[in-house]
PDB file of N, CA and C in Angstrom:
ATOM      1  N   MET A   1      77.700  25.574   9.967  1.00  0.00           N
ATOM      2  CA  MET A   1      77.662  26.873   9.937  1.00  0.00           C
ATOM      3  C   MET A   1      78.853  27.574   9.860  1.00  0.00           C
ATOM      4  N   GLN A   2      79.239  28.965   8.771  1.00  0.00           N
ATOM      5  CA  GLN A   2      80.558  29.437   8.423  1.00  0.00           C
ATOM      6  C   GLN A   2      80.728  30.197   9.663  1.00  0.00           C
ATOM      7  N   SER A   3      81.704  30.325   9.751  1.00  0.00           N
ATOM      8  CA  SER A   3      82.330  31.659  10.693  1.00  0.00           C
ATOM      9  C   SER A   3      82.460  32.755   9.913  1.00  0.00           C
ATOM     10  N   PHE A   4      82.383  33.803  10.742  1.00  0.00           N
ATOM     11  CA  PHE A   4      82.433  35.222  10.316  1.00  0.00           C
ATOM     12  C   PHE A   4      83.406  35.226   9.145  1.00  0.00           C
ATOM     13  N   LEU A   5      84.700  34.875   9.474  1.00  0.00           N
ATOM     14  CA  LEU A   5      85.980  34.975   8.680  1.00  0.00           C
ATOM     15  C   LEU A   5      85.617  34.089   7.349  1.00  0.00           C
ATOM     16  N   GLU A   6      85.351  33.137   7.409  1.00  0.00           N
ATOM     17  CA  GLU A   6      85.014  32.157   6.235  1.00  0.00           C
ATOM     18  C   GLU A   6      84.243  32.996   5.512  1.00  0.00           C
ATOM     19  N   LYS A   7      82.932  33.603   5.875  1.00  0.00           N
ATOM     20  CA  LYS A   7      81.857  33.858   5.178  1.00  0.00           C
ATOM     21  C   LYS A   7      82.578  35.342   4.463  1.00  0.00           C
ATOM     22  N   ALA A   8      83.185  36.203   5.558  1.00  0.00           N
ATOM     23  CA  ALA A   8      84.037  37.636   4.763  1.00  0.00           C
ATOM     24  C   ALA A   8      84.916  37.023   3.506  1.00  0.00           C
ATOM     25  N   LYS A   9      85.757  35.972   3.622  1.00  0.00           N
ATOM     26  CA  LYS A   9      86.245  35.695   2.437  1.00  0.00           C
ATOM     27  C   LYS A   9      85.443  35.011   1.306  1.00  0.00           C
ATOM     28  N   GLU A  10      84.423  34.275   1.442  1.00  0.00           N
ATOM     29  CA  GLU A  10      83.827  34.030   0.267  1.00  0.00           C
ATOM     30  C   GLU A  10      83.151  35.220  -0.200  1.00  0.00           C
ATOM     31  N   VAL A  11      82.806  36.253   0.450  1.00  0.00           N
ATOM     32  CA  VAL A  11      81.876  37.331  -0.147  1.00  0.00           C
ATOM     33  C   VAL A  11      83.146  38.133  -0.836  1.00  0.00           C
ATOM     34  N   ILE A  12      84.460  38.276  -0.784  1.00  0.00           N
ATOM     35  CA  ILE A  12      85.394  39.053  -0.873  1.00  0.00           C
ATOM     36  C   ILE A  12      85.864  38.342  -2.277  1.00  0.00           C
ATOM     37  N   ALA A  13      85.621  37.190  -2.405  1.00  0.00           N
ATOM     38  CA  ALA A  13      86.296  36.445  -3.460  1.00  0.00           C
ATOM     39  C   ALA A  13      85.112  36.406  -4.616  1.00  0.00           C
ATOM     40  N   LYS A  14      83.974  36.696  -4.254  1.00  0.00           N
ATOM     41  CA  LYS A  14      82.879  36.731  -4.977  1.00  0.00           C
ATOM     42  C   LYS A  14      82.701  38.206  -5.599  1.00  0.00           C
ATOM     43  N   ASN A  15      83.180  39.058  -4.884  1.00  0.00           N
ATOM     44  CA  ASN A  15      82.996  40.714  -5.266  1.00  0.00           C
ATOM     45  C   ASN A  15      84.282  41.134  -5.458  1.00  0.00           C
ATOM     46  N   GLN A  16      85.209  40.701  -6.443  1.00  0.00           N
ATOM     47  CA  GLN A  16      86.821  41.363  -6.337  1.00  0.00           C
ATOM     48  C   GLN A  16      86.718  42.308  -6.871  1.00  0.00           C
ATOM     49  N   ASP A  17      85.808  42.576  -8.006  1.00  0.00           N
ATOM     50  CA  ASP A  17      85.920  43.802  -8.641  1.00  0.00           C
ATOM     51  C   ASP A  17      85.389  44.799  -7.767  1.00  0.00           C
ATOM     52  N   VAL A  18      84.653  44.582  -7.079  1.00  0.00           N
ATOM     53  CA  VAL A  18      84.141  45.922  -5.872  1.00  0.00           C
ATOM     54  C   VAL A  18      85.535  46.412  -4.805  1.00  0.00           C
ATOM     55  N   VAL A  19      85.829  45.070  -4.488  1.00  0.00           N
ATOM     56  CA  VAL A  19      87.715  45.179  -3.485  1.00  0.00           C
ATOM     57  C   VAL A  19      88.408  46.150  -4.479  1.00  0.00           C
ATOM     58  N   THR A  20      88.677  45.925  -5.749  1.00  0.00           N
ATOM     59  CA  THR A  20      89.369  46.507  -6.737  1.00  0.00           C
ATOM     60  C   THR A  20      89.368  48.080  -6.481  1.00  0.00           C
ATOM     61  N   VAL A  21      87.715  48.359  -6.761  1.00  0.00           N
ATOM     62  CA  VAL A  21      87.686  49.706  -6.708  1.00  0.00           C
ATOM     63  C   VAL A  21      87.837  50.248  -5.446  1.00  0.00           C
ATOM     64  N   PHE A  22      87.581  49.773  -4.350  1.00  0.00           N
ATOM     65  CA  PHE A  22      88.195  50.525  -3.372  1.00  0.00           C
ATOM     66  C   PHE A  22      89.539  50.733  -2.929  1.00  0.00           C
ATOM     67  N   GLU A  23      90.058  49.545  -3.341  1.00  0.00           N
ATOM     68  CA  GLU A  23      91.792  49.651  -3.425  1.00  0.00           C
ATOM     69  C   GLU A  23      92.285  50.796  -4.175  1.00  0.00           C
ATOM     70  N   GLU A  24      91.495  51.042  -5.409  1.00  0.00           N
ATOM     71  CA  GLU A  24      91.835  52.271  -6.105  1.00  0.00           C
ATOM     72  C   GLU A  24      91.550  53.506  -5.388  1.00  0.00           C
ATOM     73  N   LEU A  25      90.308  53.608  -4.666  1.00  0.00           N
ATOM     74  CA  LEU A  25      90.033  54.425  -4.117  1.00  0.00           C
ATOM     75  C   LEU A  25      91.193  54.907  -2.742  1.00  0.00           C
ATOM     76  N   ASP A  26      91.349  53.884  -2.375  1.00  0.00           N
ATOM     77  CA  ASP A  26      92.698  53.918  -1.165  1.00  0.00           C
ATOM     78  C   ASP A  26      93.835  54.584  -2.028  1.00  0.00           C
ATOM     79  N   ARG A  27      94.042  54.178  -3.059  1.00  0.00           N
ATOM     80  CA  ARG A  27      95.575  54.496  -3.758  1.00  0.00           C
ATOM     81  C   ARG A  27      95.595  55.854  -4.326  1.00  0.00           C
ATOM     82  N   THR A  28      94.386  56.342  -4.719  1.00  0.00           N
ATOM     83  CA  THR A  28      94.482  57.317  -5.455  1.00  0.00           C
ATOM     84  C   THR A  28      93.337  58.683  -5.056  1.00  0.00           C
ATOM     85  N   GLY A  29      92.424  58.242  -4.035  1.00  0.00           N
ATOM     86  CA  GLY A  29      91.636  59.026  -3.704  1.00  0.00           C
ATOM     87  C   GLY A  29      90.286  59.157  -4.535  1.00  0.00           C
ATOM     88  N   LYS A  30      90.226  58.446  -5.552  1.00  0.00           N
ATOM     89  CA  LYS A  30      89.253  58.775  -6.850  1.00  0.00           C
ATOM     90  C   LYS A  30      88.665  57.345  -7.212  1.00  0.00           C
ATOM     91  N   PHE A  31      87.343  57.471  -7.158  1.00  0.00           N
ATOM     92  CA  PHE A  31      86.825  56.168  -7.320  1.00  0.00           C
ATOM     93  C   PHE A  31      86.956  55.878  -8.972  1.00  0.00           C
ATOM     94  N   ARG A  32      86.970  54.339  -9.168  1.00  0.00           N
ATOM     95  CA  ARG A  32      87.434  54.057 -10.474  1.00  0.00           C
ATOM     96  C   ARG A  32      86.056  53.155 -11.083  1.00  0.00           C
ATOM     97  N   LYS A  33      85.490  53.200 -12.186  1.00  0.00           N
ATOM     98  CA  LYS A  33      84.492  52.320 -12.782  1.00  0.00           C
ATOM     99  C   LYS A  33      84.746  51.218 -11.989  1.00  0.00           C
ATOM    100  N   ARG A  34      83.595  50.364 -11.941  1.00  0.00           N
ATOM    101  CA  ARG A  34      83.735  49.083 -11.522  1.00  0.00           C
ATOM    102  C   ARG A  34      84.343  48.154 -12.794  1.00  0.00           C
ATOM    103  N   THR A  35      83.882  48.492 -13.971  1.00  0.00           N
ATOM    104  CA  THR A  35      84.395  47.330 -14.890  1.00  0.00           C
ATOM    105  C   THR A  35      84.862  48.226 -16.196  1.00  0.00           C
ATOM    106  N   TYR A  36      85.718  47.684 -16.622  1.00  0.00           N
ATOM    107  CA  TYR A  36      86.456  48.547 -17.754  1.00  0.00           C
ATOM    108  C   TYR A  36      86.363  47.338 -18.765  1.00  0.00           C
ATOM    109  N   LYS A  37      86.784  47.498 -20.182  1.00  0.00           N
ATOM    110  CA  LYS A  37      86.810  46.700 -21.200  1.00  0.00           C
ATOM    111  C   LYS A  37      88.461  46.001 -21.093  1.00  0.00           C
ATOM    112  N   ALA A  38      88.668  45.125 -21.258  1.00  0.00           N
ATOM    113  CA  ALA A  38      89.883  44.444 -21.742  1.00  0.00           C
ATOM    114  C   ALA A  38      90.081  44.096 -23.149  1.00  0.00           C
ATOM    115  N   ARG A  39      91.308  44.260 -23.409  1.00  0.00           N
ATOM    116  CA  ARG A  39      91.614  43.594 -24.912  1.00  0.00           C
ATOM    117  C   ARG A  39      92.124  42.112 -24.821  1.00  0.00           C
ATOM    118  N   ALA A  40      91.586  41.300 -25.657  1.00  0.00           N
ATOM    119  CA  ALA A  40      91.777  39.732 -25.418  1.00  0.00           C
ATOM    120  C   ALA A  40      92.636  39.275 -26.782  1.00  0.00           C
ATOM    121  N   ALA A  41      93.511  38.677 -26.713  1.00  0.00           N
ATOM    122  CA  ALA A  41      94.544  38.062 -27.436  1.00  0.00           C
ATOM    123  C   ALA A  41      94.507  36.705 -27.447  1.00  0.00           C
ATOM    124  N   PHE A  42      93.520  36.183 -28.541  1.00  0.00           N
ATOM    125  CA  PHE A  42      93.682  34.810 -28.781  1.00  0.00           C
ATOM    126  C   PHE A  42      93.385  34.405 -30.006  1.00  0.00           C
ATOM    127  N   THR A  43      93.672  33.129 -30.335  1.00  0.00           N
ATOM    128  CA  THR A  43      93.396  32.755 -31.761  1.00  0.00           C
ATOM    129  C   THR A  43      92.120  32.076 -31.820  1.00  0.00           C
ATOM    130  N   LEU A  44      91.315  32.177 -33.319  1.00  0.00           N
ATOM    131  CA  LEU A  44      89.939  31.366 -33.548  1.00  0.00           C
ATOM    132  C   LEU A  44      90.201  31.051 -34.903  1.00  0.00           C
ATOM    133  N   ASP A  45      89.742  30.002 -35.084  1.00  0.00           N
ATOM    134  CA  ASP A  45      89.454  29.605 -36.473  1.00  0.00           C
ATOM    135  C   ASP A  45      89.294  30.592 -37.514  1.00  0.00           C
ATOM    136  N   GLU A  46      89.436  30.695 -38.550  1.00  0.00           N
ATOM    137  CA  GLU A  46      89.644  31.780 -39.169  1.00  0.00           C
ATOM    138  C   GLU A  46      88.114  31.604 -39.800  1.00  0.00           C
ATOM    139  N   ASP A  47      87.692  30.791 -40.450  1.00  0.00           N
ATOM    140  CA  ASP A  47      86.645  30.280 -41.212  1.00  0.00           C
ATOM    141  C   ASP A  47      85.282  30.861 -39.920  1.00  0.00           C
ATOM    142  N   LEU A  48      85.480  30.088 -38.863  1.00  0.00           N
ATOM    143  CA  LEU A  48      84.528  30.466 -37.831  1.00  0.00           C
ATOM    144  C   LEU A  48      84.448  31.697 -37.511  1.00  0.00           C
ATOM    145  N   PHE A  49      85.511  32.377 -37.191  1.00  0.00           N
ATOM    146  CA  PHE A  49      85.705  33.842 -36.900  1.00  0.00           C
ATOM    147  C   PHE A  49      84.950  34.874 -37.805  1.00  0.00           C
ATOM    148  N   ASN A  50      85.292  34.498 -39.343  1.00  0.00           N
ATOM    149  CA  ASN A  50      84.498  35.247 -40.556  1.00  0.00           C
ATOM    150  C   ASN A  50      82.872  34.758 -40.562  1.00  0.00           C
ATOM    151  N   ARG A  51      82.567  33.747 -40.072  1.00  0.00           N
ATOM    152  CA  ARG A  51      81.201  33.421 -40.156  1.00  0.00           C
ATOM    153  C   ARG A  51      80.412  33.734 -39.156  1.00  0.00           C
ATOM    154  N   PHE A  52      81.202  34.110 -38.057  1.00  0.00           N
ATOM    155  CA  PHE A  52      80.275  34.590 -36.827  1.00  0.00           C
ATOM    156  C   PHE A  52      80.231  36.357 -36.919  1.00  0.00           C
ATOM    157  N   ARG A  53      81.498  36.891 -37.583  1.00  0.00           N
ATOM    158  CA  ARG A  53      81.465  38.298 -37.800  1.00  0.00           C
ATOM    159  C   ARG A  53      80.369  38.591 -38.765  1.00  0.00           C
ATOM    160  N   ASN A  54      80.178  37.944 -39.845  1.00  0.00           N
ATOM    161  CA  ASN A  54      79.189  38.188 -40.904  1.00  0.00           C
ATOM    162  C   ASN A  54      77.790  37.965 -40.269  1.00  0.00           C
ATOM    163  N   TYR A  55      77.390  36.823 -39.370  1.00  0.00           N
ATOM    164  CA  TYR A  55      76.293  36.774 -38.947  1.00  0.00           C
ATOM    165  C   TYR A  55      76.163  37.946 -38.111  1.00  0.00           C
ATOM    166  N   CYS A  56      77.070  38.416 -37.259  1.00  0.00           N
ATOM    167  CA  CYS A  56      76.720  39.701 -35.862  1.00  0.00           C
ATOM    168  C   CYS A  56      76.492  40.921 -37.216  1.00  0.00           C
ATOM    169  N   LYS A  57      77.203  41.128 -38.228  1.00  0.00           N
ATOM    170  CA  LYS A  57      76.982  42.280 -38.966  1.00  0.00           C
ATOM    171  C   LYS A  57      75.446  42.216 -39.704  1.00  0.00           C
ATOM    172  N   GLU A  58      75.140  41.057 -39.914  1.00  0.00           N
ATOM    173  CA  GLU A  58      74.119  40.887 -40.940  1.00  0.00           C
ATOM    174  C   GLU A  58      72.868  41.005 -39.802  1.00  0.00           C
ATOM    175  N   ASN A  59      73.220  40.849 -38.623  1.00  0.00           N
ATOM    176  CA  ASN A  59      71.619  40.972 -37.486  1.00  0.00           C
ATOM    177  C   ASN A  59      71.941  41.978 -36.563  1.00  0.00           C
ATOM    178  N   GLY A  60      73.143  42.744 -36.672  1.00  0.00           N
ATOM    179  CA  GLY A  60      73.225  44.115 -36.162  1.00  0.00           C
ATOM    180  C   GLY A  60      73.646  43.484 -34.347  1.00  0.00           C
ATOM    181  N   ILE A  61      74.074  42.794 -34.498  1.00  0.00           N
ATOM    182  CA  ILE A  61      74.882  42.213 -33.288  1.00  0.00           C
ATOM    183  C   ILE A  61      76.149  42.611 -33.054  1.00  0.00           C
ATOM    184  N   ASN A  62      76.294  42.883 -31.790  1.00  0.00           N
ATOM    185  CA  ASN A  62      77.394  43.553 -31.477  1.00  0.00           C
ATOM    186  C   ASN A  62      78.686  42.272 -30.929  1.00  0.00           C
ATOM    187  N   MET A  63      79.584  42.077 -31.590  1.00  0.00           N
ATOM    188  CA  MET A  63      80.528  40.845 -31.360  1.00  0.00           C
ATOM    189  C   MET A  63      80.822  40.450 -30.144  1.00  0.00           C
ATOM    190  N   SER A  64      81.449  41.559 -29.403  1.00  0.00           N
ATOM    191  CA  SER A  64      82.068  41.518 -28.122  1.00  0.00           C
ATOM    192  C   SER A  64      80.979  41.451 -27.357  1.00  0.00           C
ATOM    193  N   GLY A  65      79.907  42.140 -27.203  1.00  0.00           N
ATOM    194  CA  GLY A  65      78.759  41.648 -26.194  1.00  0.00           C
ATOM    195  C   GLY A  65      78.237  40.367 -26.588  1.00  0.00           C
ATOM    196  N   ARG A  66      78.048  39.891 -27.280  1.00  0.00           N
ATOM    197  CA  ARG A  66      77.819  38.181 -27.784  1.00  0.00           C
ATOM    198  C   ARG A  66      78.549  37.255 -27.261  1.00  0.00           C
ATOM    199  N   VAL A  67      80.168  37.744 -27.254  1.00  0.00           N
ATOM    200  CA  VAL A  67      81.192  36.768 -26.730  1.00  0.00           C
ATOM    201  C   VAL A  67      80.909  36.949 -25.242  1.00  0.00           C
ATOM    202  N   GLU A  68      80.806  38.185 -24.599  1.00  0.00           N
ATOM    203  CA  GLU A  68      80.646  38.220 -23.308  1.00  0.00           C
ATOM    204  C   GLU A  68      79.385  37.428 -22.735  1.00  0.00           C
ATOM    205  N   SER A  69      78.501  37.604 -23.441  1.00  0.00           N
ATOM    206  CA  SER A  69      77.247  36.845 -23.250  1.00  0.00           C
ATOM    207  C   SER A  69      77.613  35.358 -23.069  1.00  0.00           C
ATOM    208  N   HIS A  70      78.021  34.715 -24.036  1.00  0.00           N
ATOM    209  CA  HIS A  70      78.434  33.347 -24.268  1.00  0.00           C
ATOM    210  C   HIS A  70      79.715  33.107 -23.042  1.00  0.00           C
ATOM    211  N   ILE A  71      80.410  33.918 -22.550  1.00  0.00           N
ATOM    212  CA  ILE A  71      81.359  33.524 -21.685  1.00  0.00           C
ATOM    213  C   ILE A  71      80.414  33.122 -20.403  1.00  0.00           C
ATOM    214  N   ARG A  72      79.497  34.304 -20.162  1.00  0.00           N
ATOM    215  CA  ARG A  72      78.704  34.253 -19.042  1.00  0.00           C
ATOM    216  C   ARG A  72      77.963  33.271 -18.554  1.00  0.00           C
ATOM    217  N   LYS A  73      77.293  32.621 -19.893  1.00  0.00           N
ATOM    218  CA  LYS A  73      76.720  31.778 -19.998  1.00  0.00           C
ATOM    219  C   LYS A  73      77.690  30.316 -19.306  1.00  0.00           C
ATOM    220  N   GLU A  74      78.461  30.432 -20.055  1.00  0.00           N
ATOM    221  CA  GLU A  74      79.492  28.995 -19.846  1.00  0.00           C
ATOM    222  C   GLU A  74      79.910  28.992 -18.338  1.00  0.00           C
ATOM    223  N   LEU A  75      80.261  30.271 -17.616  1.00  0.00           N
ATOM    224  CA  LEU A  75      80.603  30.391 -16.422  1.00  0.00           C
ATOM    225  C   LEU A  75      79.463  29.975 -15.353  1.00  0.00           C
ATOM    226  N   LYS A  76      78.362  30.360 -15.497  1.00  0.00           N
ATOM    227  CA  LYS A  76      76.970  30.215 -14.845  1.00  0.00           C
ATOM    228  C   LYS A  76      76.607  28.752 -14.939  1.00  0.00           C
ATOM    229  N   ASP A  77      76.719  28.204 -16.253  1.00  0.00           N
ATOM    230  CA  ASP A  77      76.901  26.601 -16.198  1.00  0.00           C
ATOM    231  C   ASP A  77      77.650  25.833 -15.345  1.00  0.00           C
ATOM    232  N   LEU A  78      79.101  26.591 -15.196  1.00  0.00           N
ATOM    233  CA  LEU A  78      79.636  25.617 -14.465  1.00  0.00           C
ATOM    234  C   LEU A  78      79.492  25.729 -13.045  1.00  0.00           C
ATOM    235  N   ASN A  79      79.062  26.791 -12.506  1.00  0.00           N
ATOM    236  CA  ASN A  79      78.636  27.112 -11.327  1.00  0.00           C
ATOM    237  C   ASN A  79      77.272  26.533 -10.896  1.00  0.00           C
ATOM    238  N   HIS A  80      76.771  25.633 -11.884  1.00  0.00           N
ATOM    239  CA  HIS A  80      75.512  24.723 -11.433  1.00  0.00           C
ATOM    240  C   HIS A  80      75.766  23.623 -11.256  1.00  0.00           C
TER     241      HIS A  80
END
């Protein structure tokens, strides 16, 4: 059975975004939104990128949202 300290560390690690919100509140006295969008700078195969962009445009899909969805799925699959 986990000790209280081990469980607390596990909960904090899984909810780091919430911890960040409270750190910001402590620092500024104001609540910060839980999530912000971050700009990512990485390279992709140009043909693959263009095909994906066209696919998203033709189907009314938000590219960023779809990429986020794929990342979430990948991370979820990693944890199982």
